[in-house]
Amino acid sequence: MFLSPVVRDRRTGRYLFLLAWEQRGNGSWQARVAWVEQRPASWRVAEAWMRGQDLEPVEGQNYRQVPRRYEEPDF
């Protein structure tokens, strides 16, 4: 079983699960991330796409198995 590694959001300090990387046609990277939110009577998993530059690695995490997708360049 593969458990997604954790990254840190540089803006908020929140720790997130890194689900995938995607390189955009312009060369920039974005990351699909997820986190767990606690609701009054339950837990909920939320996910979003974030700019790669807003994330930083967490020591001890292994990022080699994170899926990567590449878009065609924008011309």
PDB file of N, CA and C in Angstrom:
ATOM      1  N   MET A   1       0.837  -1.183   0.000  1.00  0.00           N
ATOM      2  CA  MET A   1       0.000   0.000   0.000  1.00  0.00           C
ATOM      3  C   MET A   1       0.879   1.241   0.000  1.00  0.00           C
ATOM      4  N   PHE A   2       0.537   2.200  -0.827  1.00  0.00           N
ATOM      5  CA  PHE A   2       1.288   3.447  -0.944  1.00  0.00           C
ATOM      6  C   PHE A   2       0.573   4.544  -0.174  1.00  0.00           C
ATOM      7  N   LEU A   3       1.253   5.142   0.773  1.00  0.00           N
ATOM      8  CA  LEU A   3       0.705   6.283   1.500  1.00  0.00           C
ATOM      9  C   LEU A   3       1.385   7.533   0.961  1.00  0.00           C
ATOM     10  N   SER A   4       0.617   8.471   0.502  1.00  0.00           N
ATOM     11  CA  SER A   4       1.174   9.694  -0.081  1.00  0.00           C
ATOM     12  C   SER A   4       2.056  10.417   0.922  1.00  0.00           C
ATOM     13  N   PRO A   5       3.191  10.944   0.449  1.00  0.00           N
ATOM     14  CA  PRO A   5       4.059  11.697   1.351  1.00  0.00           C
ATOM     15  C   PRO A   5       3.439  13.054   1.695  1.00  0.00           C
ATOM     16  N   VAL A   6       4.010  13.679   2.695  1.00  0.00           N
ATOM     17  CA  VAL A   6       3.504  14.940   3.219  1.00  0.00           C
ATOM     18  C   VAL A   6       4.396  16.085   2.740  1.00  0.00           C
ATOM     19  N   VAL A   7       3.769  17.207   2.397  1.00  0.00           N
ATOM     20  CA  VAL A   7       4.461  18.456   2.091  1.00  0.00           C
ATOM     21  C   VAL A   7       3.889  19.535   3.002  1.00  0.00           C
ATOM     22  N   ARG A   8       4.573  20.666   3.052  1.00  0.00           N
ATOM     23  CA  ARG A   8       4.119  21.778   3.894  1.00  0.00           C
ATOM     24  C   ARG A   8       3.768  22.971   3.015  1.00  0.00           C
ATOM     25  N   ASP A   9       2.619  23.567   3.266  1.00  0.00           N
ATOM     26  CA  ASP A   9       2.182  24.778   2.569  1.00  0.00           C
ATOM     27  C   ASP A   9       2.978  25.946   3.153  1.00  0.00           C
ATOM     28  N   ARG A  10       3.770  26.599   2.336  1.00  0.00           N
ATOM     29  CA  ARG A  10       4.617  27.706   2.804  1.00  0.00           C
ATOM     30  C   ARG A  10       3.800  28.901   3.287  1.00  0.00           C
ATOM     31  N   ARG A  11       2.597  29.066   2.766  1.00  0.00           N
ATOM     32  CA  ARG A  11       1.777  30.228   3.128  1.00  0.00           C
ATOM     33  C   ARG A  11       1.082  30.044   4.468  1.00  0.00           C
ATOM     34  N   THR A  12       0.574  28.830   4.732  1.00  0.00           N
ATOM     35  CA  THR A  12      -0.230  28.612   5.941  1.00  0.00           C
ATOM     36  C   THR A  12       0.467  27.760   7.000  1.00  0.00           C
ATOM     37  N   GLY A  13       1.507  27.016   6.591  1.00  0.00           N
ATOM     38  CA  GLY A  13       2.172  26.102   7.513  1.00  0.00           C
ATOM     39  C   GLY A  13       1.461  24.766   7.641  1.00  0.00           C
ATOM     40  N   ARG A  14       0.352  24.595   6.933  1.00  0.00           N
ATOM     41  CA  ARG A  14      -0.432  23.356   7.005  1.00  0.00           C
ATOM     42  C   ARG A  14       0.312  22.221   6.303  1.00  0.00           C
ATOM     43  N   TYR A  15       0.202  21.028   6.867  1.00  0.00           N
ATOM     44  CA  TYR A  15       0.778  19.838   6.250  1.00  0.00           C
ATOM     45  C   TYR A  15      -0.284  19.160   5.394  1.00  0.00           C
ATOM     46  N   LEU A  16       0.114  18.742   4.198  1.00  0.00           N
ATOM     47  CA  LEU A  16      -0.811  18.202   3.195  1.00  0.00           C
ATOM     48  C   LEU A  16      -0.244  16.917   2.615  1.00  0.00           C
ATOM     49  N   PHE A  17      -1.111  16.028   2.165  1.00  0.00           N
ATOM     50  CA  PHE A  17      -0.676  14.835   1.445  1.00  0.00           C
ATOM     51  C   PHE A  17      -0.478  15.206  -0.018  1.00  0.00           C
ATOM     52  N   LEU A  18       0.673  14.853  -0.584  1.00  0.00           N
ATOM     53  CA  LEU A  18       0.974  15.130  -1.984  1.00  0.00           C
ATOM     54  C   LEU A  18       0.509  13.951  -2.828  1.00  0.00           C
ATOM     55  N   LEU A  19      -0.535  14.159  -3.643  1.00  0.00           N
ATOM     56  CA  LEU A  19      -1.120  13.086  -4.440  1.00  0.00           C
ATOM     57  C   LEU A  19      -0.517  12.971  -5.827  1.00  0.00           C
ATOM     58  N   ALA A  20      -0.150  14.102  -6.449  1.00  0.00           N
ATOM     59  CA  ALA A  20       0.385  14.078  -7.812  1.00  0.00           C
ATOM     60  C   ALA A  20       1.027  15.414  -8.152  1.00  0.00           C
ATOM     61  N   TRP A  21       1.947  15.363  -9.104  1.00  0.00           N
ATOM     62  CA  TRP A  21       2.553  16.550  -9.701  1.00  0.00           C
ATOM     63  C   TRP A  21       2.076  16.662 -11.135  1.00  0.00           C
ATOM     64  N   GLU A  22       1.904  17.875 -11.607  1.00  0.00           N
ATOM     65  CA  GLU A  22       1.581  18.102 -13.011  1.00  0.00           C
ATOM     66  C   GLU A  22       2.404  19.285 -13.509  1.00  0.00           C
ATOM     67  N   GLN A  23       3.165  19.050 -14.587  1.00  0.00           N
ATOM     68  CA  GLN A  23       3.910  20.149 -15.185  1.00  0.00           C
ATOM     69  C   GLN A  23       3.046  20.769 -16.269  1.00  0.00           C
ATOM     70  N   ARG A  24       2.801  22.056 -16.140  1.00  0.00           N
ATOM     71  CA  ARG A  24       1.954  22.775 -17.085  1.00  0.00           C
ATOM     72  C   ARG A  24       2.711  23.026 -18.374  1.00  0.00           C
ATOM     73  N   GLY A  25       1.986  23.387 -19.413  1.00  0.00           N
ATOM     74  CA  GLY A  25       2.598  23.660 -20.698  1.00  0.00           C
ATOM     75  C   GLY A  25       3.612  24.796 -20.675  1.00  0.00           C
ATOM     76  N   ASN A  26       3.477  25.700 -19.701  1.00  0.00           N
ATOM     77  CA  ASN A  26       4.410  26.821 -19.585  1.00  0.00           C
ATOM     78  C   ASN A  26       5.644  26.469 -18.764  1.00  0.00           C
ATOM     79  N   GLY A  27       5.741  25.210 -18.298  1.00  0.00           N
ATOM     80  CA  GLY A  27       6.904  24.757 -17.532  1.00  0.00           C
ATOM     81  C   GLY A  27       6.728  24.809 -16.026  1.00  0.00           C
ATOM     82  N   SER A  28       5.684  25.490 -15.532  1.00  0.00           N
ATOM     83  CA  SER A  28       5.459  25.554 -14.083  1.00  0.00           C
ATOM     84  C   SER A  28       4.854  24.241 -13.587  1.00  0.00           C
ATOM     85  N   TRP A  29       4.998  24.003 -12.299  1.00  0.00           N
ATOM     86  CA  TRP A  29       4.454  22.787 -11.691  1.00  0.00           C
ATOM     87  C   TRP A  29       3.301  23.128 -10.775  1.00  0.00           C
ATOM     88  N   GLN A  30       2.306  22.240 -10.755  1.00  0.00           N
ATOM     89  CA  GLN A  30       1.240  22.327  -9.767  1.00  0.00           C
ATOM     90  C   GLN A  30       1.119  20.967  -9.097  1.00  0.00           C
ATOM     91  N   ALA A  31       0.573  20.974  -7.905  1.00  0.00           N
ATOM     92  CA  ALA A  31       0.471  19.750  -7.114  1.00  0.00           C
ATOM     93  C   ALA A  31      -0.975  19.502  -6.715  1.00  0.00           C
ATOM     94  N   ARG A  32      -1.385  18.272  -6.806  1.00  0.00           N
ATOM     95  CA  ARG A  32      -2.692  17.867  -6.278  1.00  0.00           C
ATOM     96  C   ARG A  32      -2.443  17.413  -4.845  1.00  0.00           C
ATOM     97  N   VAL A  33      -3.091  18.050  -3.904  1.00  0.00           N
ATOM     98  CA  VAL A  33      -2.886  17.773  -2.488  1.00  0.00           C
ATOM     99  C   VAL A  33      -4.215  17.460  -1.808  1.00  0.00           C
ATOM    100  N   ALA A  34      -4.119  16.820  -0.663  1.00  0.00           N
ATOM    101  CA  ALA A  34      -5.317  16.499   0.124  1.00  0.00           C
ATOM    102  C   ALA A  34      -5.012  16.706   1.605  1.00  0.00           C
ATOM    103  N   TRP A  35      -6.062  16.943   2.364  1.00  0.00           N
ATOM    104  CA  TRP A  35      -5.940  17.084   3.807  1.00  0.00           C
ATOM    105  C   TRP A  35      -7.246  16.630   4.441  1.00  0.00           C
ATOM    106  N   VAL A  36      -7.205  16.415   5.731  1.00  0.00           N
ATOM    107  CA  VAL A  36      -8.384  15.949   6.469  1.00  0.00           C
ATOM    108  C   VAL A  36      -8.937  17.114   7.279  1.00  0.00           C
ATOM    109  N   GLU A  37     -10.239  17.335   7.153  1.00  0.00           N
ATOM    110  CA  GLU A  37     -10.922  18.378   7.917  1.00  0.00           C
ATOM    111  C   GLU A  37     -11.834  17.723   8.934  1.00  0.00           C
ATOM    112  N   GLN A  38     -11.830  18.253  10.143  1.00  0.00           N
ATOM    113  CA  GLN A  38     -12.729  17.743  11.171  1.00  0.00           C
ATOM    114  C   GLN A  38     -14.003  18.571  11.170  1.00  0.00           C
ATOM    115  N   ARG A  39     -15.120  17.887  11.040  1.00  0.00           N
ATOM    116  CA  ARG A  39     -16.443  18.510  11.093  1.00  0.00           C
ATOM    117  C   ARG A  39     -17.038  18.221  12.466  1.00  0.00           C
ATOM    118  N   PRO A  40     -18.135  18.873  12.833  1.00  0.00           N
ATOM    119  CA  PRO A  40     -18.720  18.630  14.156  1.00  0.00           C
ATOM    120  C   PRO A  40     -19.028  17.154  14.436  1.00  0.00           C
ATOM    121  N   ALA A  41     -19.528  16.432  13.428  1.00  0.00           N
ATOM    122  CA  ALA A  41     -19.908  15.041  13.681  1.00  0.00           C
ATOM    123  C   ALA A  41     -19.163  14.051  12.792  1.00  0.00           C
ATOM    124  N   SER A  42     -18.153  14.519  12.067  1.00  0.00           N
ATOM    125  CA  SER A  42     -17.473  13.609  11.144  1.00  0.00           C
ATOM    126  C   SER A  42     -16.127  14.181  10.702  1.00  0.00           C
ATOM    127  N   TRP A  43     -15.443  13.402   9.873  1.00  0.00           N
ATOM    128  CA  TRP A  43     -14.205  13.820   9.227  1.00  0.00           C
ATOM    129  C   TRP A  43     -14.464  13.875   7.734  1.00  0.00           C
ATOM    130  N   ARG A  44     -13.759  14.756   7.037  1.00  0.00           N
ATOM    131  CA  ARG A  44     -13.929  14.896   5.595  1.00  0.00           C
ATOM    132  C   ARG A  44     -12.560  15.082   4.960  1.00  0.00           C
ATOM    133  N   VAL A  45     -12.338  14.418   3.835  1.00  0.00           N
ATOM    134  CA  VAL A  45     -11.111  14.601   3.077  1.00  0.00           C
ATOM    135  C   VAL A  45     -11.367  15.663   2.016  1.00  0.00           C
ATOM    136  N   ALA A  46     -10.524  16.682   1.995  1.00  0.00           N
ATOM    137  CA  ALA A  46     -10.617  17.747   0.999  1.00  0.00           C
ATOM    138  C   ALA A  46      -9.391  17.667   0.102  1.00  0.00           C
ATOM    139  N   GLU A  47      -9.536  18.125  -1.136  1.00  0.00           N
ATOM    140  CA  GLU A  47      -8.388  18.131  -2.037  1.00  0.00           C
ATOM    141  C   GLU A  47      -8.451  19.347  -2.940  1.00  0.00           C
ATOM    142  N   ALA A  48      -7.282  19.720  -3.468  1.00  0.00           N
ATOM    143  CA  ALA A  48      -7.185  20.893  -4.330  1.00  0.00           C
ATOM    144  C   ALA A  48      -5.896  20.819  -5.135  1.00  0.00           C
ATOM    145  N   TRP A  49      -5.815  21.655  -6.160  1.00  0.00           N
ATOM    146  CA  TRP A  49      -4.574  21.858  -6.897  1.00  0.00           C
ATOM    147  C   TRP A  49      -3.926  23.118  -6.350  1.00  0.00           C
ATOM    148  N   MET A  50      -2.602  23.062  -6.142  1.00  0.00           N
ATOM    149  CA  MET A  50      -1.851  24.210  -5.639  1.00  0.00           C
ATOM    150  C   MET A  50      -0.624  24.431  -6.505  1.00  0.00           C
ATOM    151  N   ARG A  51      -0.126  25.652  -6.517  1.00  0.00           N
ATOM    152  CA  ARG A  51       1.119  25.933  -7.220  1.00  0.00           C
ATOM    153  C   ARG A  51       2.270  25.228  -6.513  1.00  0.00           C
ATOM    154  N   GLY A  52       3.125  24.600  -7.277  1.00  0.00           N
ATOM    155  CA  GLY A  52       4.261  23.888  -6.702  1.00  0.00           C
ATOM    156  C   GLY A  52       5.163  24.780  -5.872  1.00  0.00           C
ATOM    157  N   GLN A  53       5.308  26.030  -6.273  1.00  0.00           N
ATOM    158  CA  GLN A  53       6.190  26.946  -5.546  1.00  0.00           C
ATOM    159  C   GLN A  53       5.667  27.283  -4.150  1.00  0.00           C
ATOM    160  N   ASP A  54       4.408  26.994  -3.876  1.00  0.00           N
ATOM    161  CA  ASP A  54       3.841  27.259  -2.552  1.00  0.00           C
ATOM    162  C   ASP A  54       4.056  26.109  -1.574  1.00  0.00           C
ATOM    163  N   LEU A  55       4.715  25.046  -2.022  1.00  0.00           N
ATOM    164  CA  LEU A  55       4.921  23.868  -1.182  1.00  0.00           C
ATOM    165  C   LEU A  55       6.400  23.646  -0.915  1.00  0.00           C
ATOM    166  N   GLU A  56       6.681  23.033   0.224  1.00  0.00           N
ATOM    167  CA  GLU A  56       8.062  22.672   0.519  1.00  0.00           C
ATOM    168  C   GLU A  56       8.103  21.231   1.033  1.00  0.00           C
ATOM    169  N   PRO A  57       9.214  20.539   0.757  1.00  0.00           N
ATOM    170  CA  PRO A  57       9.328  19.151   1.200  1.00  0.00           C
ATOM    171  C   PRO A  57       9.451  19.060   2.720  1.00  0.00           C
ATOM    172  N   VAL A  58       9.092  17.912   3.242  1.00  0.00           N
ATOM    173  CA  VAL A  58       9.209  17.627   4.674  1.00  0.00           C
ATOM    174  C   VAL A  58      10.297  16.575   4.837  1.00  0.00           C
ATOM    175  N   GLU A  59      11.220  16.830   5.716  1.00  0.00           N
ATOM    176  CA  GLU A  59      12.331  15.911   5.939  1.00  0.00           C
ATOM    177  C   GLU A  59      11.822  14.507   6.276  1.00  0.00           C
ATOM    178  N   GLY A  60      12.455  13.507   5.659  1.00  0.00           N
ATOM    179  CA  GLY A  60      12.114  12.122   5.927  1.00  0.00           C
ATOM    180  C   GLY A  60      11.049  11.539   5.016  1.00  0.00           C
ATOM    181  N   GLN A  61      10.443  12.363   4.154  1.00  0.00           N
ATOM    182  CA  GLN A  61       9.408  11.881   3.242  1.00  0.00           C
ATOM    183  C   GLN A  61      10.048  11.384   1.947  1.00  0.00           C
ATOM    184  N   ASN A  62       9.444  10.388   1.331  1.00  0.00           N
ATOM    185  CA  ASN A  62       9.930   9.817   0.077  1.00  0.00           C
ATOM    186  C   ASN A  62       8.962  10.230  -1.034  1.00  0.00           C
ATOM    187  N   TYR A  63       9.435  11.051  -1.964  1.00  0.00           N
ATOM    188  CA  TYR A  63       8.591  11.597  -3.024  1.00  0.00           C
ATOM    189  C   TYR A  63       8.749  10.864  -4.355  1.00  0.00           C
ATOM    190  N   ARG A  64       9.575   9.834  -4.404  1.00  0.00           N
ATOM    191  CA  ARG A  64       9.862   9.157  -5.677  1.00  0.00           C
ATOM    192  C   ARG A  64       8.643   8.502  -6.317  1.00  0.00           C
ATOM    193  N   GLN A  65       7.666   8.043  -5.543  1.00  0.00           N
ATOM    194  CA  GLN A  65       6.513   7.337  -6.102  1.00  0.00           C
ATOM    195  C   GLN A  65       5.332   8.249  -6.431  1.00  0.00           C
ATOM    196  N   VAL A  66       5.468   9.548  -6.213  1.00  0.00           N
ATOM    197  CA  VAL A  66       4.372  10.465  -6.508  1.00  0.00           C
ATOM    198  C   VAL A  66       4.206  10.550  -8.026  1.00  0.00           C
ATOM    199  N   PRO A  67       3.013  10.287  -8.541  1.00  0.00           N
ATOM    200  CA  PRO A  67       2.790  10.346  -9.999  1.00  0.00           C
ATOM    201  C   PRO A  67       3.068  11.734 -10.561  1.00  0.00           C
ATOM    202  N   ARG A  68       3.613  11.752 -11.783  1.00  0.00           N
ATOM    203  CA  ARG A  68       3.895  13.006 -12.488  1.00  0.00           C
ATOM    204  C   ARG A  68       3.256  12.968 -13.862  1.00  0.00           C
ATOM    205  N   ARG A  69       2.644  14.090 -14.232  1.00  0.00           N
ATOM    206  CA  ARG A  69       2.031  14.205 -15.554  1.00  0.00           C
ATOM    207  C   ARG A  69       2.581  15.460 -16.218  1.00  0.00           C
ATOM    208  N   TYR A  70       2.790  15.382 -17.521  1.00  0.00           N
ATOM    209  CA  TYR A  70       3.370  16.485 -18.269  1.00  0.00           C
ATOM    210  C   TYR A  70       2.418  16.909 -19.369  1.00  0.00           C
ATOM    211  N   GLU A  71       2.142  18.210 -19.446  1.00  0.00           N
ATOM    212  CA  GLU A  71       1.319  18.749 -20.521  1.00  0.00           C
ATOM    213  C   GLU A  71       2.226  19.175 -21.666  1.00  0.00           C
ATOM    214  N   GLU A  72       1.647  19.272 -22.843  1.00  0.00           N
ATOM    215  CA  GLU A  72       2.398  19.776 -24.000  1.00  0.00           C
ATOM    216  C   GLU A  72       2.689  21.259 -23.784  1.00  0.00           C
ATOM    217  N   PRO A  73       3.829  21.725 -24.285  1.00  0.00           N
ATOM    218  CA  PRO A  73       4.172  23.161 -24.142  1.00  0.00           C
ATOM    219  C   PRO A  73       3.134  24.068 -24.807  1.00  0.00           C
ATOM    220  N   ASP A  74       2.939  25.246 -24.228  1.00  0.00           N
ATOM    221  CA  ASP A  74       2.075  26.267 -24.827  1.00  0.00           C
ATOM    222  C   ASP A  74       2.883  27.033 -25.864  1.00  0.00           C
ATOM    223  N   PHE A  75       2.393  27.086 -27.079  1.00  0.00           N
ATOM    224  CA  PHE A  75       3.075  27.860 -28.133  1.00  0.00           C
ATOM    225  C   PHE A  75       2.148  28.911 -28.665  1.00  0.00           C
TER     226      PHE A  75
END
